[in-house]
Amino acid sequence: MGLKDISSSLSKNDLAHLGEGEIGYIRKMRSEEVSRCFPEAPEMGPGIDLWALFGADGTPILLTDNRSSTFFKAAEDDLKTVTLH
């Protein structure tokens, strides 16, 4: 069974929840992007590199300036991590 066969048998809702509670992704982001994903975060100056942990469905979990913290939080929440570039 190929990926095409699997994806055609899953509904959009099934795909949206794939990996939920099991997978998290880590992404480097700039301070200019923060308010879009973390609206409750304090305002920051431009040009700051940050790291974010998101649930598989895109739910923001953690924002930090320390990449290692994202891995610790993921482990604490029993999430397998992937990194997005």
PDB file of N, CA and C in Angstrom:
ATOM      1  N   MET A   1       0.848  -1.170   0.000  1.00  0.00           N
ATOM      2  CA  MET A   1       0.000   0.000   0.000  1.00  0.00           C
ATOM      3  C   MET A   1       0.898   1.238   0.000  1.00  0.00           C
ATOM      4  N   GLY A   2       0.719   2.110  -0.946  1.00  0.00           N
ATOM      5  CA  GLY A   2       1.519   3.319  -1.056  1.00  0.00           C
ATOM      6  C   GLY A   2       0.903   4.467  -0.296  1.00  0.00           C
ATOM      7  N   LEU A   3       1.654   5.555  -0.199  1.00  0.00           N
ATOM      8  CA  LEU A   3       1.182   6.742   0.498  1.00  0.00           C
ATOM      9  C   LEU A   3      -0.085   7.289  -0.133  1.00  0.00           C
ATOM     10  N   LYS A   4      -0.174   7.236  -1.450  1.00  0.00           N
ATOM     11  CA  LYS A   4      -1.357   7.729  -2.135  1.00  0.00           C
ATOM     12  C   LYS A   4      -2.593   6.939  -1.709  1.00  0.00           C
ATOM     13  N   ASP A   5      -2.446   5.611  -1.572  1.00  0.00           N
ATOM     14  CA  ASP A   5      -3.570   4.779  -1.143  1.00  0.00           C
ATOM     15  C   ASP A   5      -3.996   5.116   0.282  1.00  0.00           C
ATOM     16  N   ILE A   6      -3.014   5.339   1.156  1.00  0.00           N
ATOM     17  CA  ILE A   6      -3.324   5.664   2.546  1.00  0.00           C
ATOM     18  C   ILE A   6      -4.028   7.007   2.631  1.00  0.00           C
ATOM     19  N   SER A   7      -3.491   8.021   1.942  1.00  0.00           N
ATOM     20  CA  SER A   7      -4.070   9.355   2.044  1.00  0.00           C
ATOM     21  C   SER A   7      -5.465   9.424   1.436  1.00  0.00           C
ATOM     22  N   SER A   8      -5.755   8.607   0.467  1.00  0.00           N
ATOM     23  CA  SER A   8      -7.093   8.647  -0.124  1.00  0.00           C
ATOM     24  C   SER A   8      -8.115   7.942   0.765  1.00  0.00           C
ATOM     25  N   SER A   9      -7.654   7.100   1.699  1.00  0.00           N
ATOM     26  CA  SER A   9      -8.590   6.417   2.580  1.00  0.00           C
ATOM     27  C   SER A   9      -8.805   7.172   3.890  1.00  0.00           C
ATOM     28  N   LEU A  10      -8.060   8.254   4.113  1.00  0.00           N
ATOM     29  CA  LEU A  10      -8.217   9.063   5.311  1.00  0.00           C
ATOM     30  C   LEU A  10      -9.028  10.312   4.999  1.00  0.00           C
ATOM     31  N   SER A  11      -9.902  10.680   5.907  1.00  0.00           N
ATOM     32  CA  SER A  11     -10.657  11.920   5.724  1.00  0.00           C
ATOM     33  C   SER A  11      -9.765  13.103   6.090  1.00  0.00           C
ATOM     34  N   LYS A  12     -10.187  14.300   5.736  1.00  0.00           N
ATOM     35  CA  LYS A  12      -9.434  15.503   6.114  1.00  0.00           C
ATOM     36  C   LYS A  12      -9.346  15.615   7.628  1.00  0.00           C
ATOM     37  N   ASN A  13     -10.402  15.227   8.311  1.00  0.00           N
ATOM     38  CA  ASN A  13     -10.406  15.268   9.768  1.00  0.00           C
ATOM     39  C   ASN A  13      -9.390  14.280  10.339  1.00  0.00           C
ATOM     40  N   ASP A  14      -9.320  13.075   9.749  1.00  0.00           N
ATOM     41  CA  ASP A  14      -8.332  12.084  10.186  1.00  0.00           C
ATOM     42  C   ASP A  14      -6.915  12.624  10.001  1.00  0.00           C
ATOM     43  N   LEU A  15      -6.660  13.235   8.860  1.00  0.00           N
ATOM     44  CA  LEU A  15      -5.333  13.793   8.596  1.00  0.00           C
ATOM     45  C   LEU A  15      -4.991  14.911   9.573  1.00  0.00           C
ATOM     46  N   ALA A  16      -5.974  15.718   9.923  1.00  0.00           N
ATOM     47  CA  ALA A  16      -5.746  16.827  10.836  1.00  0.00           C
ATOM     48  C   ALA A  16      -5.326  16.346  12.219  1.00  0.00           C
ATOM     49  N   HIS A  17      -5.756  15.155  12.592  1.00  0.00           N
ATOM     50  CA  HIS A  17      -5.460  14.629  13.925  1.00  0.00           C
ATOM     51  C   HIS A  17      -4.373  13.566  13.920  1.00  0.00           C
ATOM     52  N   LEU A  18      -3.765  13.323  12.776  1.00  0.00           N
ATOM     53  CA  LEU A  18      -2.698  12.337  12.668  1.00  0.00           C
ATOM     54  C   LEU A  18      -1.514  12.745  13.542  1.00  0.00           C
ATOM     55  N   GLY A  19      -1.107  11.887  14.427  1.00  0.00           N
ATOM     56  CA  GLY A  19       0.019  12.164  15.307  1.00  0.00           C
ATOM     57  C   GLY A  19      -0.316  12.988  16.532  1.00  0.00           C
ATOM     58  N   GLU A  20      -1.563  13.369  16.685  1.00  0.00           N
ATOM     59  CA  GLU A  20      -1.975  14.202  17.806  1.00  0.00           C
ATOM     60  C   GLU A  20      -1.654  13.513  19.136  1.00  0.00           C
ATOM     61  N   GLY A  21      -0.989  14.232  20.019  1.00  0.00           N
ATOM     62  CA  GLY A  21      -0.620  13.685  21.311  1.00  0.00           C
ATOM     63  C   GLY A  21       0.587  12.765  21.272  1.00  0.00           C
ATOM     64  N   GLU A  22       1.137  12.537  20.073  1.00  0.00           N
ATOM     65  CA  GLU A  22       2.273  11.636  19.929  1.00  0.00           C
ATOM     66  C   GLU A  22       3.482  12.299  19.278  1.00  0.00           C
ATOM     67  N   ILE A  23       3.230  13.254  18.383  1.00  0.00           N
ATOM     68  CA  ILE A  23       4.304  13.885  17.621  1.00  0.00           C
ATOM     69  C   ILE A  23       4.248  15.392  17.826  1.00  0.00           C
ATOM     70  N   GLY A  24       5.423  15.973  17.971  1.00  0.00           N
ATOM     71  CA  GLY A  24       5.543  17.416  18.039  1.00  0.00           C
ATOM     72  C   GLY A  24       6.613  17.848  17.055  1.00  0.00           C
ATOM     73  N   TYR A  25       6.519  19.061  16.605  1.00  0.00           N
ATOM     74  CA  TYR A  25       7.580  19.526  15.714  1.00  0.00           C
ATOM     75  C   TYR A  25       8.205  20.799  16.255  1.00  0.00           C
ATOM     76  N   ILE A  26       9.490  20.893  16.009  1.00  0.00           N
ATOM     77  CA  ILE A  26      10.293  22.003  16.491  1.00  0.00           C
ATOM     78  C   ILE A  26      10.660  22.864  15.296  1.00  0.00           C
ATOM     79  N   ARG A  27      10.502  24.151  15.467  1.00  0.00           N
ATOM     80  CA  ARG A  27      10.766  25.063  14.359  1.00  0.00           C
ATOM     81  C   ARG A  27      11.476  26.308  14.871  1.00  0.00           C
ATOM     82  N   LYS A  28      12.509  26.693  14.162  1.00  0.00           N
ATOM     83  CA  LYS A  28      13.187  27.958  14.456  1.00  0.00           C
ATOM     84  C   LYS A  28      12.351  29.074  13.847  1.00  0.00           C
ATOM     85  N   MET A  29      12.199  30.147  14.568  1.00  0.00           N
ATOM     86  CA  MET A  29      11.435  31.271  14.036  1.00  0.00           C
ATOM     87  C   MET A  29      12.051  32.586  14.491  1.00  0.00           C
ATOM     88  N   ARG A  30      11.706  33.628  13.789  1.00  0.00           N
ATOM     89  CA  ARG A  30      12.179  34.971  14.120  1.00  0.00           C
ATOM     90  C   ARG A  30      11.120  35.664  14.983  1.00  0.00           C
ATOM     91  N   SER A  31      11.570  36.612  15.762  1.00  0.00           N
ATOM     92  CA  SER A  31      10.657  37.323  16.657  1.00  0.00           C
ATOM     93  C   SER A  31       9.521  38.010  15.892  1.00  0.00           C
ATOM     94  N   GLU A  32       9.762  38.363  14.635  1.00  0.00           N
ATOM     95  CA  GLU A  32       8.716  39.007  13.824  1.00  0.00           C
ATOM     96  C   GLU A  32       7.536  38.067  13.552  1.00  0.00           C
ATOM     97  N   GLU A  33       7.748  36.763  13.644  1.00  0.00           N
ATOM     98  CA  GLU A  33       6.699  35.772  13.367  1.00  0.00           C
ATOM     99  C   GLU A  33       5.904  35.360  14.607  1.00  0.00           C
ATOM    100  N   VAL A  34       6.388  35.701  15.770  1.00  0.00           N
ATOM    101  CA  VAL A  34       5.850  35.168  17.019  1.00  0.00           C
ATOM    102  C   VAL A  34       4.373  35.477  17.220  1.00  0.00           C
ATOM    103  N   SER A  35       3.944  36.693  16.997  1.00  0.00           N
ATOM    104  CA  SER A  35       2.557  37.073  17.299  1.00  0.00           C
ATOM    105  C   SER A  35       1.535  36.261  16.496  1.00  0.00           C
ATOM    106  N   ARG A  36       1.928  35.768  15.346  1.00  0.00           N
ATOM    107  CA  ARG A  36       1.015  34.950  14.525  1.00  0.00           C
ATOM    108  C   ARG A  36       0.718  33.612  15.201  1.00  0.00           C
ATOM    109  N   CYS A  37       1.725  32.995  15.790  1.00  0.00           N
ATOM    110  CA  CYS A  37       1.573  31.669  16.401  1.00  0.00           C
ATOM    111  C   CYS A  37       1.355  31.729  17.907  1.00  0.00           C
ATOM    112  N   PHE A  38       1.913  32.748  18.555  1.00  0.00           N
ATOM    113  CA  PHE A  38       1.828  32.895  20.002  1.00  0.00           C
ATOM    114  C   PHE A  38       1.305  34.296  20.326  1.00  0.00           C
ATOM    115  N   PRO A  39       0.013  34.536  20.113  1.00  0.00           N
ATOM    116  CA  PRO A  39      -0.520  35.895  20.294  1.00  0.00           C
ATOM    117  C   PRO A  39      -0.382  36.428  21.721  1.00  0.00           C
ATOM    118  N   GLU A  40      -0.240  35.548  22.700  1.00  0.00           N
ATOM    119  CA  GLU A  40      -0.121  35.985  24.090  1.00  0.00           C
ATOM    120  C   GLU A  40       1.311  36.348  24.476  1.00  0.00           C
ATOM    121  N   ALA A  41       2.268  36.101  23.594  1.00  0.00           N
ATOM    122  CA  ALA A  41       3.678  36.394  23.886  1.00  0.00           C
ATOM    123  C   ALA A  41       3.892  37.908  23.953  1.00  0.00           C
ATOM    124  N   PRO A  42       4.807  38.337  24.803  1.00  0.00           N
ATOM    125  CA  PRO A  42       5.092  39.778  24.875  1.00  0.00           C
ATOM    126  C   PRO A  42       5.724  40.267  23.580  1.00  0.00           C
ATOM    127  N   GLU A  43       5.584  41.539  23.321  1.00  0.00           N
ATOM    128  CA  GLU A  43       6.179  42.128  22.125  1.00  0.00           C
ATOM    129  C   GLU A  43       7.698  42.084  22.237  1.00  0.00           C
ATOM    130  N   MET A  44       8.350  41.747  21.138  1.00  0.00           N
ATOM    131  CA  MET A  44       9.814  41.647  21.117  1.00  0.00           C
ATOM    132  C   MET A  44      10.362  42.477  19.977  1.00  0.00           C
ATOM    133  N   GLY A  45      11.596  42.856  20.136  1.00  0.00           N
ATOM    134  CA  GLY A  45      12.268  43.581  19.067  1.00  0.00           C
ATOM    135  C   GLY A  45      12.523  42.665  17.880  1.00  0.00           C
ATOM    136  N   PRO A  46      12.777  43.225  16.719  1.00  0.00           N
ATOM    137  CA  PRO A  46      13.014  42.421  15.519  1.00  0.00           C
ATOM    138  C   PRO A  46      14.370  41.718  15.548  1.00  0.00           C
ATOM    139  N   GLY A  47      14.469  40.643  14.788  1.00  0.00           N
ATOM    140  CA  GLY A  47      15.737  39.967  14.572  1.00  0.00           C
ATOM    141  C   GLY A  47      16.170  38.975  15.625  1.00  0.00           C
ATOM    142  N   ILE A  48      15.279  38.595  16.529  1.00  0.00           N
ATOM    143  CA  ILE A  48      15.637  37.632  17.570  1.00  0.00           C
ATOM    144  C   ILE A  48      15.300  36.227  17.081  1.00  0.00           C
ATOM    145  N   ASP A  49      16.266  35.312  17.172  1.00  0.00           N
ATOM    146  CA  ASP A  49      16.024  33.914  16.817  1.00  0.00           C
ATOM    147  C   ASP A  49      15.429  33.184  18.011  1.00  0.00           C
ATOM    148  N   LEU A  50      14.330  32.482  17.776  1.00  0.00           N
ATOM    149  CA  LEU A  50      13.639  31.738  18.821  1.00  0.00           C
ATOM    150  C   LEU A  50      13.350  30.326  18.337  1.00  0.00           C
ATOM    151  N   TRP A  51      12.975  29.464  19.265  1.00  0.00           N
ATOM    152  CA  TRP A  51      12.596  28.090  18.956  1.00  0.00           C
ATOM    153  C   TRP A  51      11.191  27.844  19.472  1.00  0.00           C
ATOM    154  N   ALA A  52      10.401  27.143  18.674  1.00  0.00           N
ATOM    155  CA  ALA A  52       9.027  26.858  19.053  1.00  0.00           C
ATOM    156  C   ALA A  52       8.750  25.363  18.947  1.00  0.00           C
ATOM    157  N   LEU A  53       7.941  24.880  19.879  1.00  0.00           N
ATOM    158  CA  LEU A  53       7.452  23.502  19.849  1.00  0.00           C
ATOM    159  C   LEU A  53       5.963  23.563  19.584  1.00  0.00           C
ATOM    160  N   PHE A  54       5.530  22.785  18.593  1.00  0.00           N
ATOM    161  CA  PHE A  54       4.120  22.718  18.222  1.00  0.00           C
ATOM    162  C   PHE A  54       3.652  21.274  18.280  1.00  0.00           C
ATOM    163  N   GLY A  55       2.361  21.077  18.571  1.00  0.00           N
ATOM    164  CA  GLY A  55       1.773  19.752  18.466  1.00  0.00           C
ATOM    165  C   GLY A  55       1.629  19.391  16.998  1.00  0.00           C
ATOM    166  N   ALA A  56       1.371  18.132  16.729  1.00  0.00           N
ATOM    167  CA  ALA A  56       1.241  17.658  15.345  1.00  0.00           C
ATOM    168  C   ALA A  56       0.177  18.423  14.575  1.00  0.00           C
ATOM    169  N   ASP A  57      -0.846  18.910  15.275  1.00  0.00           N
ATOM    170  CA  ASP A  57      -1.922  19.658  14.615  1.00  0.00           C
ATOM    171  C   ASP A  57      -1.633  21.146  14.489  1.00  0.00           C
ATOM    172  N   GLY A  58      -0.432  21.558  14.919  1.00  0.00           N
ATOM    173  CA  GLY A  58      -0.041  22.966  14.817  1.00  0.00           C
ATOM    174  C   GLY A  58      -0.296  23.781  16.069  1.00  0.00           C
ATOM    175  N   THR A  59      -0.820  23.154  17.110  1.00  0.00           N
ATOM    176  CA  THR A  59      -1.070  23.860  18.362  1.00  0.00           C
ATOM    177  C   THR A  59       0.256  24.296  18.995  1.00  0.00           C
ATOM    178  N   PRO A  60       0.424  25.595  19.274  1.00  0.00           N
ATOM    179  CA  PRO A  60       1.661  26.054  19.900  1.00  0.00           C
ATOM    180  C   PRO A  60       1.763  25.547  21.339  1.00  0.00           C
ATOM    181  N   ILE A  61       2.934  25.029  21.693  1.00  0.00           N
ATOM    182  CA  ILE A  61       3.154  24.480  23.028  1.00  0.00           C
ATOM    183  C   ILE A  61       4.170  25.297  23.811  1.00  0.00           C
ATOM    184  N   LEU A  62       5.279  25.659  23.161  1.00  0.00           N
ATOM    185  CA  LEU A  62       6.365  26.337  23.875  1.00  0.00           C
ATOM    186  C   LEU A  62       7.113  27.264  22.932  1.00  0.00           C
ATOM    187  N   LEU A  63       7.490  28.413  23.449  1.00  0.00           N
ATOM    188  CA  LEU A  63       8.342  29.358  22.725  1.00  0.00           C
ATOM    189  C   LEU A  63       9.517  29.680  23.637  1.00  0.00           C
ATOM    190  N   THR A  64      10.725  29.566  23.122  1.00  0.00           N
ATOM    191  CA  THR A  64      11.913  29.772  23.935  1.00  0.00           C
ATOM    192  C   THR A  64      13.081  30.256  23.075  1.00  0.00           C
ATOM    193  N   ASP A  65      14.084  30.787  23.726  1.00  0.00           N
ATOM    194  CA  ASP A  65      15.299  31.169  22.995  1.00  0.00           C
ATOM    195  C   ASP A  65      16.359  30.073  23.095  1.00  0.00           C
ATOM    196  N   ASN A  66      15.999  28.953  23.702  1.00  0.00           N
ATOM    197  CA  ASN A  66      16.923  27.859  23.929  1.00  0.00           C
ATOM    198  C   ASN A  66      16.397  26.592  23.248  1.00  0.00           C
ATOM    199  N   ARG A  67      17.050  26.142  22.208  1.00  0.00           N
ATOM    200  CA  ARG A  67      16.594  24.971  21.443  1.00  0.00           C
ATOM    201  C   ARG A  67      16.441  23.727  22.316  1.00  0.00           C
ATOM    202  N   SER A  68      17.356  23.522  23.240  1.00  0.00           N
ATOM    203  CA  SER A  68      17.305  22.346  24.114  1.00  0.00           C
ATOM    204  C   SER A  68      16.010  22.281  24.917  1.00  0.00           C
ATOM    205  N   SER A  69      15.493  23.427  25.300  1.00  0.00           N
ATOM    206  CA  SER A  69      14.253  23.457  26.081  1.00  0.00           C
ATOM    207  C   SER A  69      13.087  22.839  25.330  1.00  0.00           C
ATOM    208  N   THR A  70      13.078  22.975  24.007  1.00  0.00           N
ATOM    209  CA  THR A  70      11.981  22.389  23.229  1.00  0.00           C
ATOM    210  C   THR A  70      12.028  20.866  23.308  1.00  0.00           C
ATOM    211  N   PHE A  71      13.222  20.296  23.295  1.00  0.00           N
ATOM    212  CA  PHE A  71      13.350  18.842  23.396  1.00  0.00           C
ATOM    213  C   PHE A  71      12.966  18.349  24.786  1.00  0.00           C
ATOM    214  N   PHE A  72      13.348  19.097  25.819  1.00  0.00           N
ATOM    215  CA  PHE A  72      12.977  18.712  27.188  1.00  0.00           C
ATOM    216  C   PHE A  72      11.459  18.739  27.365  1.00  0.00           C
ATOM    217  N   LYS A  73      10.816  19.783  26.850  1.00  0.00           N
ATOM    218  CA  LYS A  73       9.353  19.893  26.966  1.00  0.00           C
ATOM    219  C   LYS A  73       8.674  18.774  26.188  1.00  0.00           C
ATOM    220  N   ALA A  74       9.171  18.469  25.003  1.00  0.00           N
ATOM    221  CA  ALA A  74       8.591  17.384  24.203  1.00  0.00           C
ATOM    222  C   ALA A  74       8.712  16.059  24.948  1.00  0.00           C
ATOM    223  N   ALA A  75       9.865  15.811  25.540  1.00  0.00           N
ATOM    224  CA  ALA A  75      10.060  14.569  26.299  1.00  0.00           C
ATOM    225  C   ALA A  75       9.127  14.533  27.505  1.00  0.00           C
ATOM    226  N   GLU A  76       8.970  15.657  28.159  1.00  0.00           N
ATOM    227  CA  GLU A  76       8.070  15.751  29.311  1.00  0.00           C
ATOM    228  C   GLU A  76       6.637  15.416  28.913  1.00  0.00           C
ATOM    229  N   ASP A  77       6.243  15.818  27.697  1.00  0.00           N
ATOM    230  CA  ASP A  77       4.887  15.570  27.192  1.00  0.00           C
ATOM    231  C   ASP A  77       4.791  14.263  26.403  1.00  0.00           C
ATOM    232  N   ASP A  78       5.856  13.450  26.440  1.00  0.00           N
ATOM    233  CA  ASP A  78       5.899  12.176  25.705  1.00  0.00           C
ATOM    234  C   ASP A  78       5.647  12.324  24.198  1.00  0.00           C
ATOM    235  N   LEU A  79       6.222  13.382  23.625  1.00  0.00           N
ATOM    236  CA  LEU A  79       6.091  13.620  22.190  1.00  0.00           C
ATOM    237  C   LEU A  79       7.363  13.209  21.472  1.00  0.00           C
ATOM    238  N   LYS A  80       7.236  12.518  20.373  1.00  0.00           N
ATOM    239  CA  LYS A  80       8.368  12.277  19.476  1.00  0.00           C
ATOM    240  C   LYS A  80       8.517  13.555  18.666  1.00  0.00           C
ATOM    241  N   THR A  81       9.748  13.985  18.441  1.00  0.00           N
ATOM    242  CA  THR A  81       9.938  15.276  17.764  1.00  0.00           C
ATOM    243  C   THR A  81      10.483  15.136  16.368  1.00  0.00           C
ATOM    244  N   VAL A  82      10.085  16.076  15.533  1.00  0.00           N
ATOM    245  CA  VAL A  82      10.665  16.271  14.216  1.00  0.00           C
ATOM    246  C   VAL A  82      11.006  17.750  14.116  1.00  0.00           C
ATOM    247  N   THR A  83      12.000  18.078  13.319  1.00  0.00           N
ATOM    248  CA  THR A  83      12.413  19.465  13.153  1.00  0.00           C
ATOM    249  C   THR A  83      12.033  19.943  11.768  1.00  0.00           C
ATOM    250  N   LEU A  84      11.438  21.107  11.694  1.00  0.00           N
ATOM    251  CA  LEU A  84      11.088  21.727  10.412  1.00  0.00           C
ATOM    252  C   LEU A  84      12.055  22.851  10.147  1.00  0.00           C
ATOM    253  N   HIS A  85      12.420  23.013   8.889  1.00  0.00           N
ATOM    254  CA  HIS A  85      13.360  24.079   8.506  1.00  0.00           C
ATOM    255  C   HIS A  85      12.624  25.197   7.824  1.00  0.00           C
TER     256      HIS A  85
END
